[in-house]
Amino acid sequence: MAEPAQNSRVRVGVWVLLFLGLFTVVAWRLNAAFW
């Protein structure tokens, strides 16, 4: 009751972290290819 959206926030947060991790790898490889 103190935070009804807590479970949704945690689930979304996990997907956001996974996306950021994947994007970091892609950005790193693109940077290496450009330079």
Full PDB file with SEQRES, HELIX, SHEET, SSBOND, CRYST1, ORIGX, SCALE, CONECT and MASTER records, all heavy atoms in Angstrom:
SEQRES   1 A   35  MET ALA GLU PRO ALA GLN ASN SER ARG VAL ARG VAL GLY          
SEQRES   2 A   35  VAL TRP VAL LEU LEU PHE LEU GLY LEU PHE THR VAL VAL          
SEQRES   3 A   35  ALA TRP ARG LEU ASN ALA ALA PHE TRP                          
HELIX    1 AA1 GLN A    6  PHE A   34  1                                  29    
CRYST1    1.000    1.000    1.000  90.00  90.00  90.00 P 1           1          
ORIGX1      1.000000  0.000000  0.000000        0.00000                         
ORIGX2      0.000000  1.000000  0.000000        0.00000                         
ORIGX3      0.000000  0.000000  1.000000        0.00000                         
SCALE1      1.000000  0.000000  0.000000        0.00000                         
SCALE2      0.000000  1.000000  0.000000        0.00000                         
SCALE3      0.000000  0.000000  1.000000        0.00000                         
ATOM      1  N   MET A   1       0.824  -1.208   0.000  1.00  0.00           N  
ATOM      2  CA  MET A   1       0.000   0.000   0.000  1.00  0.00           C  
ATOM      3  C   MET A   1       0.859   1.260   0.000  1.00  0.00           C  
ATOM      4  O   MET A   1       0.473   2.282  -0.569  1.00  0.00           O  
ATOM      5  CB  MET A   1      -0.928  -0.012   1.216  1.00  0.00           C  
ATOM      6  CG  MET A   1      -1.877   1.172   1.273  1.00  0.00           C  
ATOM      7  SD  MET A   1      -3.164   1.008   2.541  1.00  0.00           S  
ATOM      8  CE  MET A   1      -2.167   0.996   4.028  1.00  0.00           C  
ATOM      9  N   ALA A   2       2.026   1.202   0.649  1.00  0.00           N  
ATOM     10  CA  ALA A   2       2.911   2.363   0.686  1.00  0.00           C  
ATOM     11  C   ALA A   2       3.453   2.712  -0.691  1.00  0.00           C  
ATOM     12  O   ALA A   2       3.798   3.865  -0.952  1.00  0.00           O  
ATOM     13  CB  ALA A   2       4.067   2.109   1.652  1.00  0.00           C  
ATOM     14  N   GLU A   3       3.523   1.718  -1.591  1.00  0.00           N  
ATOM     15  CA  GLU A   3       3.976   1.965  -2.965  1.00  0.00           C  
ATOM     16  C   GLU A   3       3.407   0.872  -3.873  1.00  0.00           C  
ATOM     17  O   GLU A   3       4.075  -0.113  -4.168  1.00  0.00           O  
ATOM     18  CB  GLU A   3       5.502   1.974  -3.047  1.00  0.00           C  
ATOM     19  CG  GLU A   3       6.021   2.410  -4.408  1.00  0.00           C  
ATOM     20  CD  GLU A   3       7.538   2.350  -4.511  1.00  0.00           C  
ATOM     21  OE1 GLU A   3       8.196   1.986  -3.529  1.00  0.00           O  
ATOM     22  OE2 GLU A   3       8.052   2.659  -5.597  1.00  0.00           O  
ATOM     23  N   PRO A   4       2.159   1.027  -4.317  1.00  0.00           N  
ATOM     24  CA  PRO A   4       1.522  -0.023  -5.128  1.00  0.00           C  
ATOM     25  C   PRO A   4       2.261  -0.332  -6.425  1.00  0.00           C  
ATOM     26  O   PRO A   4       2.132  -1.430  -6.966  1.00  0.00           O  
ATOM     27  CB  PRO A   4       0.131   0.554  -5.410  1.00  0.00           C  
ATOM     28  CG  PRO A   4      -0.109   1.535  -4.315  1.00  0.00           C  
ATOM     29  CD  PRO A   4       1.228   2.120  -4.016  1.00  0.00           C  
ATOM     30  N   ALA A   5       3.018   0.630  -6.943  1.00  0.00           N  
ATOM     31  CA  ALA A   5       3.719   0.421  -8.208  1.00  0.00           C  
ATOM     32  C   ALA A   5       5.109  -0.181  -8.019  1.00  0.00           C  
ATOM     33  O   ALA A   5       5.878  -0.253  -8.976  1.00  0.00           O  
ATOM     34  CB  ALA A   5       3.840   1.744  -8.962  1.00  0.00           C  
ATOM     35  N   GLN A   6       5.425  -0.621  -6.802  1.00  0.00           N  
ATOM     36  CA  GLN A   6       6.774  -1.098  -6.529  1.00  0.00           C  
ATOM     37  C   GLN A   6       7.165  -2.283  -7.410  1.00  0.00           C  
ATOM     38  O   GLN A   6       8.258  -2.313  -7.986  1.00  0.00           O  
ATOM     39  CB  GLN A   6       6.915  -1.492  -5.062  1.00  0.00           C  
ATOM     40  CG  GLN A   6       8.302  -2.006  -4.696  1.00  0.00           C  
ATOM     41  CD  GLN A   6       8.426  -2.344  -3.224  1.00  0.00           C  
ATOM     42  OE1 GLN A   6       7.574  -2.013  -2.427  1.00  0.00           O  
ATOM     43  NE2 GLN A   6       9.497  -3.014  -2.861  1.00  0.00           N  
ATOM     44  N   ASN A   7       6.277  -3.279  -7.520  1.00  0.00           N  
ATOM     45  CA  ASN A   7       6.609  -4.456  -8.335  1.00  0.00           C  
ATOM     46  C   ASN A   7       6.812  -4.081  -9.795  1.00  0.00           C  
ATOM     47  O   ASN A   7       7.737  -4.578 -10.455  1.00  0.00           O  
ATOM     48  CB  ASN A   7       5.508  -5.510  -8.204  1.00  0.00           C  
ATOM     49  CG  ASN A   7       5.513  -6.186  -6.841  1.00  0.00           C  
ATOM     50  OD1 ASN A   7       6.524  -6.176  -6.139  1.00  0.00           O  
ATOM     51  ND2 ASN A   7       4.389  -6.765  -6.463  1.00  0.00           N  
ATOM     52  N   SER A   8       5.954  -3.195 -10.317  1.00  0.00           N  
ATOM     53  CA  SER A   8       6.110  -2.748 -11.702  1.00  0.00           C  
ATOM     54  C   SER A   8       7.398  -1.964 -11.872  1.00  0.00           C  
ATOM     55  O   SER A   8       8.109  -2.117 -12.868  1.00  0.00           O  
ATOM     56  CB  SER A   8       4.906  -1.883 -12.110  1.00  0.00           C  
ATOM     57  OG  SER A   8       3.708  -2.609 -12.028  1.00  0.00           O  
ATOM     58  N   ARG A   9       7.716  -1.132 -10.889  1.00  0.00           N  
ATOM     59  CA  ARG A   9       8.954  -0.341 -10.962  1.00  0.00           C  
ATOM     60  C   ARG A   9      10.182  -1.240 -10.997  1.00  0.00           C  
ATOM     61  O   ARG A   9      11.119  -1.008 -11.760  1.00  0.00           O  
ATOM     62  CB  ARG A   9       9.026   0.598  -9.749  1.00  0.00           C  
ATOM     63  CG  ARG A   9      10.333   1.351  -9.620  1.00  0.00           C  
ATOM     64  CD  ARG A   9      10.285   2.355  -8.487  1.00  0.00           C  
ATOM     65  NE  ARG A   9       9.993   1.749  -7.215  1.00  0.00           N  
ATOM     66  CZ  ARG A   9      10.895   1.087  -6.473  1.00  0.00           C  
ATOM     67  NH1 ARG A   9      12.134   0.931  -6.916  1.00  0.00           N  
ATOM     68  NH2 ARG A   9      10.555   0.579  -5.305  1.00  0.00           N  
ATOM     69  N   VAL A  10      10.164  -2.287 -10.184  1.00  0.00           N  
ATOM     70  CA  VAL A  10      11.304  -3.203 -10.151  1.00  0.00           C  
ATOM     71  C   VAL A  10      11.440  -3.944 -11.481  1.00  0.00           C  
ATOM     72  O   VAL A  10      12.538  -4.088 -12.020  1.00  0.00           O  
ATOM     73  CB  VAL A  10      11.149  -4.194  -8.983  1.00  0.00           C  
ATOM     74  CG1 VAL A  10      12.214  -5.293  -9.069  1.00  0.00           C  
ATOM     75  CG2 VAL A  10      11.268  -3.469  -7.648  1.00  0.00           C  
ATOM     76  N   ARG A  11      10.296  -4.407 -12.027  1.00  0.00           N  
ATOM     77  CA  ARG A  11      10.345  -5.124 -13.305  1.00  0.00           C  
ATOM     78  C   ARG A  11      10.854  -4.222 -14.423  1.00  0.00           C  
ATOM     79  O   ARG A  11      11.710  -4.623 -15.228  1.00  0.00           O  
ATOM     80  CB  ARG A  11       8.952  -5.667 -13.653  1.00  0.00           C  
ATOM     81  CG  ARG A  11       8.550  -6.882 -12.852  1.00  0.00           C  
ATOM     82  CD  ARG A  11       7.333  -7.558 -13.473  1.00  0.00           C  
ATOM     83  NE  ARG A  11       6.168  -6.672 -13.454  1.00  0.00           N  
ATOM     84  CZ  ARG A  11       5.277  -6.651 -12.485  1.00  0.00           C  
ATOM     85  NH1 ARG A  11       5.411  -7.440 -11.444  1.00  0.00           N  
ATOM     86  NH2 ARG A  11       4.234  -5.838 -12.542  1.00  0.00           N  
ATOM     87  N   VAL A  12      10.337  -2.992 -14.483  1.00  0.00           N  
ATOM     88  CA  VAL A  12      10.788  -2.056 -15.508  1.00  0.00           C  
ATOM     89  C   VAL A  12      12.263  -1.727 -15.314  1.00  0.00           C  
ATOM     90  O   VAL A  12      13.029  -1.628 -16.275  1.00  0.00           O  
ATOM     91  CB  VAL A  12       9.934  -0.773 -15.476  1.00  0.00           C  
ATOM     92  CG1 VAL A  12      10.523   0.296 -16.381  1.00  0.00           C  
ATOM     93  CG2 VAL A  12       8.501  -1.073 -15.891  1.00  0.00           C  
ATOM     94  N   GLY A  13      12.679  -1.571 -14.055  1.00  0.00           N  
ATOM     95  CA  GLY A  13      14.077  -1.260 -13.769  1.00  0.00           C  
ATOM     96  C   GLY A  13      15.027  -2.341 -14.254  1.00  0.00           C  
ATOM     97  O   GLY A  13      16.118  -2.042 -14.767  1.00  0.00           O  
ATOM     98  N   VAL A  14      14.637  -3.592 -14.115  1.00  0.00           N  
ATOM     99  CA  VAL A  14      15.481  -4.699 -14.592  1.00  0.00           C  
ATOM    100  C   VAL A  14      15.656  -4.623 -16.103  1.00  0.00           C  
ATOM    101  O   VAL A  14      16.776  -4.762 -16.627  1.00  0.00           O  
ATOM    102  CB  VAL A  14      14.860  -6.051 -14.180  1.00  0.00           C  
ATOM    103  CG1 VAL A  14      15.591  -7.199 -14.863  1.00  0.00           C  
ATOM    104  CG2 VAL A  14      14.934  -6.223 -12.662  1.00  0.00           C  
ATOM    105  N   TRP A  15      14.549  -4.391 -16.822  1.00  0.00           N  
ATOM    106  CA  TRP A  15      14.642  -4.301 -18.285  1.00  0.00           C  
ATOM    107  C   TRP A  15      15.460  -3.087 -18.720  1.00  0.00           C  
ATOM    108  O   TRP A  15      16.211  -3.153 -19.704  1.00  0.00           O  
ATOM    109  CB  TRP A  15      13.242  -4.241 -18.899  1.00  0.00           C  
ATOM    110  CG  TRP A  15      12.548  -5.566 -18.897  1.00  0.00           C  
ATOM    111  CD1 TRP A  15      11.508  -5.957 -18.117  1.00  0.00           C  
ATOM    112  CD2 TRP A  15      12.877  -6.694 -19.717  1.00  0.00           C  
ATOM    113  NE1 TRP A  15      11.153  -7.249 -18.390  1.00  0.00           N  
ATOM    114  CE2 TRP A  15      11.973  -7.731 -19.373  1.00  0.00           C  
ATOM    115  CE3 TRP A  15      13.835  -6.931 -20.703  1.00  0.00           C  
ATOM    116  CZ2 TRP A  15      12.010  -8.978 -19.973  1.00  0.00           C  
ATOM    117  CZ3 TRP A  15      13.871  -8.167 -21.313  1.00  0.00           C  
ATOM    118  CH2 TRP A  15      12.972  -9.178 -20.957  1.00  0.00           C  
ATOM    119  N   VAL A  16      15.323  -1.974 -17.986  1.00  0.00           N  
ATOM    120  CA  VAL A  16      16.116  -0.779 -18.309  1.00  0.00           C  
ATOM    121  C   VAL A  16      17.601  -1.057 -18.131  1.00  0.00           C  
ATOM    122  O   VAL A  16      18.433  -0.674 -18.973  1.00  0.00           O  
ATOM    123  CB  VAL A  16      15.673   0.411 -17.435  1.00  0.00           C  
ATOM    124  CG1 VAL A  16      16.658   1.567 -17.558  1.00  0.00           C  
ATOM    125  CG2 VAL A  16      14.284   0.872 -17.832  1.00  0.00           C  
ATOM    126  N   LEU A  17      17.974  -1.731 -17.057  1.00  0.00           N  
ATOM    127  CA  LEU A  17      19.384  -2.046 -16.820  1.00  0.00           C  
ATOM    128  C   LEU A  17      19.926  -2.999 -17.881  1.00  0.00           C  
ATOM    129  O   LEU A  17      21.070  -2.864 -18.342  1.00  0.00           O  
ATOM    130  CB  LEU A  17      19.548  -2.649 -15.424  1.00  0.00           C  
ATOM    131  CG  LEU A  17      19.343  -1.684 -14.249  1.00  0.00           C  
ATOM    132  CD1 LEU A  17      19.425  -2.438 -12.926  1.00  0.00           C  
ATOM    133  CD2 LEU A  17      20.384  -0.571 -14.284  1.00  0.00           C  
ATOM    134  N   LEU A  18      19.098  -3.976 -18.281  1.00  0.00           N  
ATOM    135  CA  LEU A  18      19.531  -4.891 -19.348  1.00  0.00           C  
ATOM    136  C   LEU A  18      19.728  -4.145 -20.654  1.00  0.00           C  
ATOM    137  O   LEU A  18      20.700  -4.388 -21.390  1.00  0.00           O  
ATOM    138  CB  LEU A  18      18.492  -6.006 -19.519  1.00  0.00           C  
ATOM    139  CG  LEU A  18      18.406  -7.035 -18.387  1.00  0.00           C  
ATOM    140  CD1 LEU A  18      17.244  -7.985 -18.625  1.00  0.00           C  
ATOM    141  CD2 LEU A  18      19.715  -7.808 -18.258  1.00  0.00           C  
ATOM    142  N   PHE A  19      18.805  -3.218 -20.974  1.00  0.00           N  
ATOM    143  CA  PHE A  19      18.933  -2.426 -22.186  1.00  0.00           C  
ATOM    144  C   PHE A  19      20.195  -1.564 -22.150  1.00  0.00           C  
ATOM    145  O   PHE A  19      20.935  -1.487 -23.141  1.00  0.00           O  
ATOM    146  CB  PHE A  19      17.700  -1.539 -22.374  1.00  0.00           C  
ATOM    147  CG  PHE A  19      17.860  -0.516 -23.464  1.00  0.00           C  
ATOM    148  CD1 PHE A  19      17.750  -0.871 -24.800  1.00  0.00           C  
ATOM    149  CD2 PHE A  19      18.140   0.812 -23.145  1.00  0.00           C  
ATOM    150  CE1 PHE A  19      17.904   0.076 -25.809  1.00  0.00           C  
ATOM    151  CE2 PHE A  19      18.294   1.757 -24.139  1.00  0.00           C  
ATOM    152  CZ  PHE A  19      18.184   1.387 -25.475  1.00  0.00           C  
ATOM    153  N   LEU A  20      20.438  -0.915 -21.023  1.00  0.00           N  
ATOM    154  CA  LEU A  20      21.614  -0.065 -20.907  1.00  0.00           C  
ATOM    155  C   LEU A  20      22.903  -0.885 -21.026  1.00  0.00           C  
ATOM    156  O   LEU A  20      23.883  -0.437 -21.629  1.00  0.00           O  
ATOM    157  CB  LEU A  20      21.588   0.694 -19.570  1.00  0.00           C  
ATOM    158  CG  LEU A  20      20.523   1.772 -19.430  1.00  0.00           C  
ATOM    159  CD1 LEU A  20      20.545   2.358 -18.026  1.00  0.00           C  
ATOM    160  CD2 LEU A  20      20.727   2.868 -20.470  1.00  0.00           C  
ATOM    161  N   GLY A  21      22.884  -2.096 -20.443  1.00  0.00           N  
ATOM    162  CA  GLY A  21      24.058  -2.963 -20.570  1.00  0.00           C  
ATOM    163  C   GLY A  21      24.311  -3.353 -22.020  1.00  0.00           C  
ATOM    164  O   GLY A  21      25.455  -3.314 -22.498  1.00  0.00           O  
ATOM    165  N   LEU A  22      23.239  -3.733 -22.743  1.00  0.00           N  
ATOM    166  CA  LEU A  22      23.380  -4.095 -24.147  1.00  0.00           C  
ATOM    167  C   LEU A  22      23.809  -2.894 -24.982  1.00  0.00           C  
ATOM    168  O   LEU A  22      24.691  -3.003 -25.852  1.00  0.00           O  
ATOM    169  CB  LEU A  22      22.049  -4.649 -24.670  1.00  0.00           C  
ATOM    170  CG  LEU A  22      22.005  -5.044 -26.152  1.00  0.00           C  
ATOM    171  CD1 LEU A  22      23.022  -6.158 -26.435  1.00  0.00           C  
ATOM    172  CD2 LEU A  22      20.603  -5.492 -26.546  1.00  0.00           C  
ATOM    173  N   PHE A  23      23.211  -1.725 -24.718  1.00  0.00           N  
ATOM    174  CA  PHE A  23      23.561  -0.520 -25.465  1.00  0.00           C  
ATOM    175  C   PHE A  23      25.013  -0.117 -25.210  1.00  0.00           C  
ATOM    176  O   PHE A  23      25.688   0.393 -26.109  1.00  0.00           O  
ATOM    177  CB  PHE A  23      22.626   0.623 -25.072  1.00  0.00           C  
ATOM    178  CG  PHE A  23      22.887   1.898 -25.822  1.00  0.00           C  
ATOM    179  CD1 PHE A  23      22.466   2.053 -27.136  1.00  0.00           C  
ATOM    180  CD2 PHE A  23      23.580   2.943 -25.224  1.00  0.00           C  
ATOM    181  CE1 PHE A  23      22.714   3.223 -27.831  1.00  0.00           C  
ATOM    182  CE2 PHE A  23      23.845   4.115 -25.905  1.00  0.00           C  
ATOM    183  CZ  PHE A  23      23.407   4.263 -27.220  1.00  0.00           C  
ATOM    184  N   THR A  24      25.513  -0.353 -23.997  1.00  0.00           N  
ATOM    185  CA  THR A  24      26.912  -0.041 -23.687  1.00  0.00           C  
ATOM    186  C   THR A  24      27.859  -0.870 -24.547  1.00  0.00           C  
ATOM    187  O   THR A  24      28.857  -0.365 -25.071  1.00  0.00           O  
ATOM    188  CB  THR A  24      27.188  -0.284 -22.193  1.00  0.00           C  
ATOM    189  OG1 THR A  24      26.347   0.565 -21.406  1.00  0.00           O  
ATOM    190  CG2 THR A  24      28.647  -0.003 -21.853  1.00  0.00           C  
ATOM    191  N   VAL A  25      27.529  -2.147 -24.711  1.00  0.00           N  
ATOM    192  CA  VAL A  25      28.365  -3.024 -25.553  1.00  0.00           C  
ATOM    193  C   VAL A  25      28.326  -2.553 -27.006  1.00  0.00           C  
ATOM    194  O   VAL A  25      29.364  -2.470 -27.691  1.00  0.00           O  
ATOM    195  CB  VAL A  25      27.891  -4.485 -25.437  1.00  0.00           C  
ATOM    196  CG1 VAL A  25      28.655  -5.371 -26.425  1.00  0.00           C  
ATOM    197  CG2 VAL A  25      28.075  -4.987 -24.014  1.00  0.00           C  
ATOM    198  N   VAL A  26      27.121  -2.228 -27.513  1.00  0.00           N  
ATOM    199  CA  VAL A  26      26.985  -1.763 -28.898  1.00  0.00           C  
ATOM    200  C   VAL A  26      27.747  -0.449 -29.102  1.00  0.00           C  
ATOM    201  O   VAL A  26      28.469  -0.275 -30.105  1.00  0.00           O  
ATOM    202  CB  VAL A  26      25.493  -1.584 -29.245  1.00  0.00           C  
ATOM    203  CG1 VAL A  26      25.335  -0.930 -30.613  1.00  0.00           C  
ATOM    204  CG2 VAL A  26      24.776  -2.928 -29.224  1.00  0.00           C  
ATOM    205  N   ALA A  27      27.584   0.486 -28.148  1.00  0.00           N  
ATOM    206  CA  ALA A  27      28.278   1.772 -28.269  1.00  0.00           C  
ATOM    207  C   ALA A  27      29.796   1.597 -28.231  1.00  0.00           C  
ATOM    208  O   ALA A  27      30.542   2.270 -28.969  1.00  0.00           O  
ATOM    209  CB  ALA A  27      27.828   2.707 -27.146  1.00  0.00           C  
ATOM    210  N   TRP A  28      30.269   0.685 -27.415  1.00  0.00           N  
ATOM    211  CA  TRP A  28      31.713   0.419 -27.302  1.00  0.00           C  
ATOM    212  C   TRP A  28      32.263  -0.126 -28.614  1.00  0.00           C  
ATOM    213  O   TRP A  28      33.303   0.298 -29.106  1.00  0.00           O  
ATOM    214  CB  TRP A  28      31.957  -0.546 -26.146  1.00  0.00           C  
ATOM    215  CG  TRP A  28      33.370  -1.054 -26.055  1.00  0.00           C  
ATOM    216  CD1 TRP A  28      34.512  -0.321 -25.949  1.00  0.00           C  
ATOM    217  CD2 TRP A  28      33.772  -2.417 -26.107  1.00  0.00           C  
ATOM    218  NE1 TRP A  28      35.617  -1.135 -25.905  1.00  0.00           N  
ATOM    219  CE2 TRP A  28      35.182  -2.444 -26.000  1.00  0.00           C  
ATOM    220  CE3 TRP A  28      33.086  -3.642 -26.209  1.00  0.00           C  
ATOM    221  CZ2 TRP A  28      35.914  -3.621 -26.013  1.00  0.00           C  
ATOM    222  CZ3 TRP A  28      33.807  -4.803 -26.195  1.00  0.00           C  
ATOM    223  CH2 TRP A  28      35.202  -4.793 -26.111  1.00  0.00           C  
ATOM    224  N   ARG A  29      31.535  -1.060 -29.239  1.00  0.00           N  
ATOM    225  CA  ARG A  29      31.997  -1.648 -30.498  1.00  0.00           C  
ATOM    226  C   ARG A  29      31.904  -0.626 -31.628  1.00  0.00           C  
ATOM    227  O   ARG A  29      32.758  -0.581 -32.525  1.00  0.00           O  
ATOM    228  CB  ARG A  29      31.168  -2.888 -30.839  1.00  0.00           C  
ATOM    229  CG  ARG A  29      31.310  -4.045 -29.865  1.00  0.00           C  
ATOM    230  CD  ARG A  29      32.756  -4.377 -29.544  1.00  0.00           C  
ATOM    231  NE  ARG A  29      33.507  -4.654 -30.769  1.00  0.00           N  
ATOM    232  CZ  ARG A  29      34.829  -4.593 -30.870  1.00  0.00           C  
ATOM    233  NH1 ARG A  29      35.543  -4.194 -29.817  1.00  0.00           N  
ATOM    234  NH2 ARG A  29      35.441  -4.871 -31.997  1.00  0.00           N  
ATOM    235  N   LEU A  30      30.838   0.202 -31.625  1.00  0.00           N  
ATOM    236  CA  LEU A  30      30.741   1.252 -32.643  1.00  0.00           C  
ATOM    237  C   LEU A  30      31.874   2.255 -32.505  1.00  0.00           C  
ATOM    238  O   LEU A  30      32.457   2.700 -33.512  1.00  0.00           O  
ATOM    239  CB  LEU A  30      29.392   1.970 -32.522  1.00  0.00           C  
ATOM    240  CG  LEU A  30      28.167   1.229 -33.057  1.00  0.00           C  
ATOM    241  CD1 LEU A  30      26.894   1.995 -32.712  1.00  0.00           C  
ATOM    242  CD2 LEU A  30      28.269   1.020 -34.566  1.00  0.00           C  
ATOM    243  N   ASN A  31      32.206   2.625 -31.295  1.00  0.00           N  
ATOM    244  CA  ASN A  31      33.304   3.560 -31.072  1.00  0.00           C  
ATOM    245  C   ASN A  31      34.616   2.986 -31.575  1.00  0.00           C  
ATOM    246  O   ASN A  31      35.426   3.690 -32.222  1.00  0.00           O  
ATOM    247  CB  ASN A  31      33.406   3.869 -29.584  1.00  0.00           C  
ATOM    248  CG  ASN A  31      34.521   4.845 -29.265  1.00  0.00           C  
ATOM    249  OD1 ASN A  31      34.433   6.035 -29.563  1.00  0.00           O  
ATOM    250  ND2 ASN A  31      35.591   4.340 -28.644  1.00  0.00           N  
ATOM    251  N   ALA A  32      34.815   1.676 -31.337  1.00  0.00           N  
ATOM    252  CA  ALA A  32      36.049   1.043 -31.832  1.00  0.00           C  
ATOM    253  C   ALA A  32      36.084   1.012 -33.356  1.00  0.00           C  
ATOM    254  O   ALA A  32      37.135   1.210 -33.985  1.00  0.00           O  
ATOM    255  CB  ALA A  32      36.149  -0.387 -31.274  1.00  0.00           C  
ATOM    256  N   ALA A  33      34.922   0.773 -33.993  1.00  0.00           N  
ATOM    257  CA  ALA A  33      34.860   0.730 -35.451  1.00  0.00           C  
ATOM    258  C   ALA A  33      35.101   2.109 -36.074  1.00  0.00           C  
ATOM    259  O   ALA A  33      35.774   2.241 -37.105  1.00  0.00           O  
ATOM    260  CB  ALA A  33      33.512   0.182 -35.908  1.00  0.00           C  
ATOM    261  N   PHE A  34      34.561   3.160 -35.457  1.00  0.00           N  
ATOM    262  CA  PHE A  34      34.728   4.522 -35.987  1.00  0.00           C  
ATOM    263  C   PHE A  34      36.172   5.004 -35.918  1.00  0.00           C  
ATOM    264  O   PHE A  34      36.651   5.737 -36.783  1.00  0.00           O  
ATOM    265  CB  PHE A  34      33.836   5.510 -35.247  1.00  0.00           C  
ATOM    266  CG  PHE A  34      32.356   5.315 -35.535  1.00  0.00           C  
ATOM    267  CD1 PHE A  34      31.383   5.705 -34.604  1.00  0.00           C  
ATOM    268  CD2 PHE A  34      31.918   4.736 -36.721  1.00  0.00           C  
ATOM    269  CE1 PHE A  34      30.040   5.517 -34.860  1.00  0.00           C  
ATOM    270  CE2 PHE A  34      30.569   4.554 -36.982  1.00  0.00           C  
ATOM    271  CZ  PHE A  34      29.630   4.944 -36.061  1.00  0.00           C  
ATOM    272  N   TRP A  35      36.907   4.600 -34.891  1.00  0.00           N  
ATOM    273  CA  TRP A  35      38.238   5.127 -34.635  1.00  0.00           C  
ATOM    274  C   TRP A  35      39.387   4.168 -35.012  1.00  0.00           C  
ATOM    275  O   TRP A  35      40.544   4.472 -34.773  1.00  0.00           O  
ATOM    276  CB  TRP A  35      38.384   5.484 -33.154  1.00  0.00           C  
ATOM    277  CG  TRP A  35      37.555   6.673 -32.766  1.00  0.00           C  
ATOM    278  CD1 TRP A  35      36.292   6.668 -32.299  1.00  0.00           C  
ATOM    279  CD2 TRP A  35      37.947   8.045 -32.830  1.00  0.00           C  
ATOM    280  NE1 TRP A  35      35.826   7.941 -32.062  1.00  0.00           N  
ATOM    281  CE2 TRP A  35      36.852   8.830 -32.374  1.00  0.00           C  
ATOM    282  CE3 TRP A  35      39.109   8.707 -33.215  1.00  0.00           C  
ATOM    283  CZ2 TRP A  35      36.868  10.208 -32.302  1.00  0.00           C  
ATOM    284  CZ3 TRP A  35      39.146  10.105 -33.136  1.00  0.00           C  
ATOM    285  CH2 TRP A  35      38.045  10.831 -32.696  1.00  0.00           C  
TER     286      TRP A  35                                                      
MASTER        0    0    0    1    0    0    0    6  285    1    0    3          
END                                                                             
